[in-house]
């Protein structure tokens, strides 16, 4: 296989991987590994369980409250502020991106 064909294959592979994980522009710079780590360290699930019971997942997609990526990021910022978590703006974005990927799926 020549260099041009390899380049095309790498590009196509990257292109389709991007489509498979399409996220809103607001999450373009998100660090998903960091977001996952912060969710675990901040005990988000335990807090959600205390608020809604069960496994805490009922807190996601409350009827009519969060219907786009910006509102999702704003909700994470509200948790950050109310709970004094000390996350930087890029941390909040990373957490929101993980929540979007795993629960909300806004495009």
N, C-alpha and C. Protein backbone atom coordinates (compact mmCIF):
# COMPACT_ATOMS: atom_id res chain seq x y z
N UNK A 1 0.85 -1.17 0.00
CA UNK A 1 0.00 0.00 0.00
C UNK A 1 0.91 1.24 0.00
N UNK A 2 0.59 2.19 -0.88
CA UNK A 2 1.43 3.38 -0.96
C UNK A 2 1.05 4.40 0.12
N UNK A 3 1.88 5.42 0.26
CA UNK A 3 1.71 6.43 1.31
C UNK A 3 0.38 7.16 1.18
N UNK A 4 -0.02 7.47 -0.04
CA UNK A 4 -1.28 8.18 -0.27
C UNK A 4 -2.46 7.35 0.22
N UNK A 5 -2.47 6.07 -0.10
CA UNK A 5 -3.55 5.20 0.34
C UNK A 5 -3.60 5.07 1.86
N UNK A 6 -2.43 5.01 2.48
CA UNK A 6 -2.37 4.93 3.94
C UNK A 6 -2.93 6.21 4.56
N UNK A 7 -2.58 7.35 3.97
CA UNK A 7 -3.06 8.63 4.46
C UNK A 7 -4.58 8.70 4.36
N UNK A 8 -5.12 8.26 3.24
CA UNK A 8 -6.58 8.27 3.04
C UNK A 8 -7.24 7.35 4.06
N UNK A 9 -6.67 6.19 4.30
CA UNK A 9 -7.25 5.24 5.25
C UNK A 9 -7.23 5.82 6.67
N UNK A 10 -6.15 6.46 7.05
CA UNK A 10 -6.06 7.07 8.38
C UNK A 10 -7.10 8.18 8.51
N UNK A 11 -7.22 9.01 7.48
CA UNK A 11 -8.20 10.09 7.50
C UNK A 11 -9.62 9.54 7.62
N UNK A 12 -9.95 8.55 6.83
CA UNK A 12 -11.30 7.97 6.84
C UNK A 12 -11.60 7.33 8.20
N UNK A 13 -10.63 6.66 8.75
CA UNK A 13 -10.80 6.03 10.06
C UNK A 13 -11.09 7.09 11.12
N UNK A 14 -10.33 8.15 11.09
CA UNK A 14 -10.51 9.25 12.03
C UNK A 14 -11.88 9.92 11.82
N UNK A 15 -12.25 10.12 10.57
CA UNK A 15 -13.52 10.74 10.23
C UNK A 15 -14.69 9.94 10.78
N UNK A 16 -14.68 8.64 10.56
CA UNK A 16 -15.79 7.81 11.04
C UNK A 16 -15.79 7.68 12.56
N UNK A 17 -14.64 7.69 13.18
CA UNK A 17 -14.57 7.67 14.65
C UNK A 17 -15.17 8.94 15.22
N UNK A 18 -14.92 10.06 14.56
CA UNK A 18 -15.48 11.33 14.99
C UNK A 18 -17.00 11.32 14.86
N UNK A 19 -17.51 10.80 13.76
CA UNK A 19 -18.95 10.72 13.58
C UNK A 19 -19.60 9.84 14.64
N UNK A 20 -18.95 8.76 14.98
CA UNK A 20 -19.50 7.83 15.96
C UNK A 20 -19.62 8.46 17.34
N UNK A 21 -18.76 9.43 17.64
CA UNK A 21 -18.76 10.08 18.94
C UNK A 21 -19.09 11.56 18.81
N UNK A 22 -19.97 11.90 17.87
CA UNK A 22 -20.31 13.29 17.62
C UNK A 22 -20.84 13.94 18.90
N UNK A 23 -20.30 15.08 19.22
CA UNK A 23 -20.70 15.83 20.39
C UNK A 23 -20.94 17.28 19.97
N UNK A 24 -21.74 18.01 20.72
CA UNK A 24 -21.93 19.42 20.41
C UNK A 24 -20.61 20.19 20.47
N UNK A 25 -20.55 21.29 19.76
CA UNK A 25 -19.33 22.10 19.69
C UNK A 25 -18.85 22.55 21.08
N UNK A 26 -19.76 22.75 22.00
CA UNK A 26 -19.39 23.20 23.35
C UNK A 26 -18.46 22.19 24.04
N UNK A 27 -18.49 20.94 23.61
CA UNK A 27 -17.67 19.90 24.21
C UNK A 27 -16.44 19.54 23.37
N UNK A 28 -16.15 20.35 22.38
CA UNK A 28 -15.05 20.07 21.45
C UNK A 28 -13.72 19.84 22.16
N UNK A 29 -13.41 20.63 23.16
CA UNK A 29 -12.12 20.54 23.85
C UNK A 29 -12.18 19.71 25.13
N UNK A 30 -13.29 19.02 25.34
CA UNK A 30 -13.47 18.26 26.59
C UNK A 30 -12.46 17.13 26.73
N UNK A 31 -12.04 16.92 27.96
CA UNK A 31 -11.14 15.82 28.31
C UNK A 31 -12.00 14.77 29.01
N UNK A 32 -12.37 13.73 28.28
CA UNK A 32 -13.30 12.73 28.77
C UNK A 32 -12.74 11.92 29.95
N UNK A 33 -11.47 11.62 29.90
CA UNK A 33 -10.84 10.88 31.01
C UNK A 33 -10.91 11.72 32.28
N UNK A 34 -10.61 13.01 32.16
CA UNK A 34 -10.69 13.92 33.30
C UNK A 34 -12.13 14.00 33.81
N UNK A 35 -13.08 14.13 32.90
CA UNK A 35 -14.49 14.21 33.30
C UNK A 35 -14.92 12.97 34.08
N UNK A 36 -14.53 11.80 33.60
CA UNK A 36 -14.86 10.56 34.30
C UNK A 36 -14.24 10.54 35.70
N UNK A 37 -12.99 10.98 35.79
CA UNK A 37 -12.28 11.02 37.07
C UNK A 37 -12.97 11.99 38.04
N UNK A 38 -13.33 13.16 37.54
CA UNK A 38 -13.98 14.16 38.40
C UNK A 38 -15.35 13.70 38.88
N UNK A 39 -16.08 13.01 38.03
CA UNK A 39 -17.38 12.48 38.43
C UNK A 39 -17.20 11.51 39.60
N UNK A 40 -16.20 10.65 39.51
CA UNK A 40 -15.94 9.68 40.58
C UNK A 40 -15.46 10.39 41.85
N UNK A 41 -14.51 11.28 41.70
CA UNK A 41 -13.93 11.97 42.87
C UNK A 41 -14.93 12.89 43.58
N UNK A 42 -15.82 13.48 42.81
CA UNK A 42 -16.79 14.43 43.37
C UNK A 42 -18.00 13.73 43.97
N UNK A 43 -18.04 12.41 43.83
CA UNK A 43 -19.15 11.62 44.39
C UNK A 43 -20.50 12.06 43.85
N UNK A 44 -20.53 12.34 42.54
CA UNK A 44 -21.76 12.79 41.90
C UNK A 44 -22.89 11.77 42.05
N UNK A 45 -22.59 10.50 41.83
CA UNK A 45 -23.62 9.47 41.89
C UNK A 45 -24.22 9.40 43.30
N UNK A 46 -23.39 9.45 44.33
CA UNK A 46 -23.90 9.39 45.71
C UNK A 46 -24.82 10.58 45.99
N UNK A 47 -24.46 11.74 45.51
CA UNK A 47 -25.29 12.92 45.70
C UNK A 47 -26.63 12.75 44.98
N UNK A 48 -26.58 12.25 43.74
CA UNK A 48 -27.81 12.05 42.97
C UNK A 48 -28.70 11.01 43.64
N UNK A 49 -28.11 9.95 44.18
CA UNK A 49 -28.88 8.93 44.89
C UNK A 49 -29.59 9.57 46.09
N UNK A 50 -28.88 10.43 46.81
CA UNK A 50 -29.49 11.07 47.98
C UNK A 50 -30.64 11.99 47.60
N UNK A 51 -30.60 12.53 46.39
CA UNK A 51 -31.65 13.46 45.94
C UNK A 51 -32.86 12.75 45.35
N UNK A 52 -32.63 11.67 44.55
CA UNK A 52 -33.74 11.04 43.83
C UNK A 52 -33.93 9.57 44.15
N UNK A 53 -33.02 8.98 44.94
CA UNK A 53 -33.16 7.58 45.30
C UNK A 53 -32.72 6.64 44.18
N UNK A 54 -32.96 5.37 44.40
CA UNK A 54 -32.58 4.35 43.42
C UNK A 54 -31.09 4.38 43.16
N UNK A 55 -30.73 4.30 41.88
CA UNK A 55 -29.31 4.35 41.52
C UNK A 55 -28.89 5.76 41.14
N UNK A 56 -29.76 6.74 41.30
CA UNK A 56 -29.45 8.13 41.02
C UNK A 56 -29.68 8.56 39.59
N UNK A 57 -29.94 7.60 38.70
CA UNK A 57 -30.05 7.94 37.28
C UNK A 57 -31.32 8.72 36.96
N UNK A 58 -32.31 8.72 37.84
CA UNK A 58 -33.55 9.48 37.59
C UNK A 58 -33.29 10.98 37.53
N UNK A 59 -32.14 11.41 38.02
CA UNK A 59 -31.82 12.83 37.99
C UNK A 59 -31.50 13.31 36.57
N UNK A 60 -31.12 12.36 35.70
CA UNK A 60 -30.79 12.72 34.32
C UNK A 60 -32.06 12.91 33.52
N UNK A 61 -32.03 13.87 32.65
CA UNK A 61 -33.13 14.23 31.77
C UNK A 61 -34.43 14.52 32.53
N UNK A 62 -34.37 15.40 33.51
CA UNK A 62 -35.62 15.77 34.18
C UNK A 62 -36.56 16.42 33.16
N UNK A 63 -37.82 16.14 33.28
CA UNK A 63 -38.80 16.59 32.30
C UNK A 63 -38.71 18.09 32.05
N UNK A 64 -38.29 18.46 30.83
CA UNK A 64 -38.29 19.84 30.40
C UNK A 64 -37.19 20.73 30.97
N UNK A 65 -36.34 20.21 31.84
CA UNK A 65 -35.34 21.08 32.48
C UNK A 65 -34.08 21.25 31.66
N UNK A 66 -33.53 20.18 31.20
CA UNK A 66 -32.27 20.23 30.48
C UNK A 66 -32.52 19.66 29.08
N UNK A 67 -32.55 20.56 28.09
CA UNK A 67 -32.88 20.09 26.75
C UNK A 67 -31.85 20.50 25.69
N UNK A 68 -30.67 20.93 26.13
CA UNK A 68 -29.58 21.17 25.19
C UNK A 68 -28.24 21.14 25.94
N UNK A 69 -27.17 21.09 25.18
CA UNK A 69 -25.83 20.93 25.76
C UNK A 69 -25.44 22.11 26.66
N UNK A 70 -25.84 23.31 26.30
CA UNK A 70 -25.50 24.48 27.12
C UNK A 70 -26.18 24.43 28.49
N UNK A 71 -27.43 24.00 28.51
CA UNK A 71 -28.12 23.88 29.79
C UNK A 71 -27.52 22.76 30.64
N UNK A 72 -27.08 21.70 29.99
CA UNK A 72 -26.41 20.62 30.72
C UNK A 72 -25.13 21.14 31.37
N UNK A 73 -24.32 21.86 30.60
CA UNK A 73 -23.09 22.41 31.16
C UNK A 73 -23.40 23.37 32.31
N UNK A 74 -24.46 24.16 32.15
CA UNK A 74 -24.88 25.08 33.21
C UNK A 74 -25.31 24.34 34.47
N UNK A 75 -25.96 23.21 34.33
CA UNK A 75 -26.37 22.43 35.49
C UNK A 75 -25.15 21.89 36.23
N UNK A 76 -24.14 21.43 35.47
CA UNK A 76 -22.91 20.96 36.11
C UNK A 76 -22.22 22.12 36.83
N UNK A 77 -22.24 23.30 36.22
CA UNK A 77 -21.66 24.48 36.87
C UNK A 77 -22.41 24.81 38.15
N UNK A 78 -23.73 24.66 38.12
CA UNK A 78 -24.53 24.92 39.33
C UNK A 78 -24.14 23.94 40.45
N UNK A 79 -23.99 22.67 40.12
CA UNK A 79 -23.53 21.69 41.12
C UNK A 79 -22.15 22.09 41.65
N UNK A 80 -21.27 22.47 40.75
CA UNK A 80 -19.92 22.87 41.13
C UNK A 80 -19.96 24.03 42.14
N UNK A 81 -20.81 25.01 41.86
CA UNK A 81 -20.91 26.18 42.72
C UNK A 81 -21.58 25.85 44.05
N UNK A 82 -22.74 25.19 43.99
CA UNK A 82 -23.49 24.88 45.21
C UNK A 82 -22.71 23.97 46.16
N UNK A 83 -21.97 23.03 45.60
CA UNK A 83 -21.24 22.06 46.42
C UNK A 83 -19.80 22.47 46.67
N UNK A 84 -19.42 23.65 46.14
CA UNK A 84 -18.07 24.17 46.32
C UNK A 84 -17.02 23.13 45.92
N UNK A 85 -17.18 22.57 44.73
CA UNK A 85 -16.29 21.51 44.26
C UNK A 85 -14.95 22.04 43.76
N UNK A 86 -14.89 23.32 43.42
CA UNK A 86 -13.62 23.92 43.00
C UNK A 86 -13.18 23.53 41.60
N UNK A 87 -14.11 23.16 40.75
CA UNK A 87 -13.75 22.81 39.37
C UNK A 87 -13.52 24.07 38.56
N UNK A 88 -12.54 24.00 37.69
CA UNK A 88 -12.28 25.06 36.73
C UNK A 88 -13.27 24.93 35.58
N UNK A 89 -13.47 25.99 34.78
CA UNK A 89 -14.42 25.91 33.67
C UNK A 89 -14.18 24.72 32.73
N UNK A 90 -12.91 24.42 32.44
CA UNK A 90 -12.64 23.28 31.55
C UNK A 90 -12.98 21.95 32.23
N UNK A 91 -12.91 21.89 33.56
CA UNK A 91 -13.32 20.69 34.29
C UNK A 91 -14.83 20.49 34.17
N UNK A 92 -15.57 21.57 34.35
CA UNK A 92 -17.03 21.53 34.24
C UNK A 92 -17.43 21.06 32.84
N UNK A 93 -16.76 21.58 31.84
CA UNK A 93 -17.05 21.17 30.46
C UNK A 93 -16.77 19.69 30.27
N UNK A 94 -15.69 19.20 30.83
CA UNK A 94 -15.34 17.78 30.69
C UNK A 94 -16.37 16.89 31.38
N UNK A 95 -16.83 17.27 32.56
CA UNK A 95 -17.86 16.50 33.26
C UNK A 95 -19.15 16.51 32.44
N UNK A 96 -19.55 17.67 31.96
CA UNK A 96 -20.78 17.77 31.16
C UNK A 96 -20.67 16.95 29.88
N UNK A 97 -19.50 16.92 29.27
CA UNK A 97 -19.32 16.14 28.04
C UNK A 97 -19.51 14.65 28.31
N UNK A 98 -18.99 14.17 29.44
CA UNK A 98 -19.17 12.76 29.80
C UNK A 98 -20.65 12.47 30.05
N UNK A 99 -21.33 13.36 30.76
CA UNK A 99 -22.76 13.16 31.01
C UNK A 99 -23.55 13.16 29.71
N UNK A 100 -23.15 14.04 28.79
CA UNK A 100 -23.82 14.07 27.50
C UNK A 100 -23.59 12.76 26.75
N UNK A 101 -22.36 12.31 26.73
CA UNK A 101 -22.03 11.06 26.03
C UNK A 101 -22.80 9.87 26.61
N UNK A 102 -22.89 9.82 27.94
CA UNK A 102 -23.44 8.64 28.60
C UNK A 102 -24.95 8.70 28.84
N UNK A 103 -25.53 9.91 28.92
CA UNK A 103 -26.94 10.01 29.30
C UNK A 103 -27.79 10.85 28.36
N UNK A 104 -27.33 12.02 27.99
CA UNK A 104 -28.17 12.97 27.27
C UNK A 104 -28.14 12.83 25.76
N UNK A 105 -26.97 12.65 25.22
CA UNK A 105 -26.76 12.42 23.78
C UNK A 105 -27.23 13.58 22.89
N UNK A 106 -26.99 14.82 23.36
CA UNK A 106 -27.26 15.98 22.52
C UNK A 106 -26.26 16.01 21.38
N UNK A 107 -26.68 16.39 20.21
CA UNK A 107 -25.80 16.47 19.03
C UNK A 107 -25.44 17.90 18.73
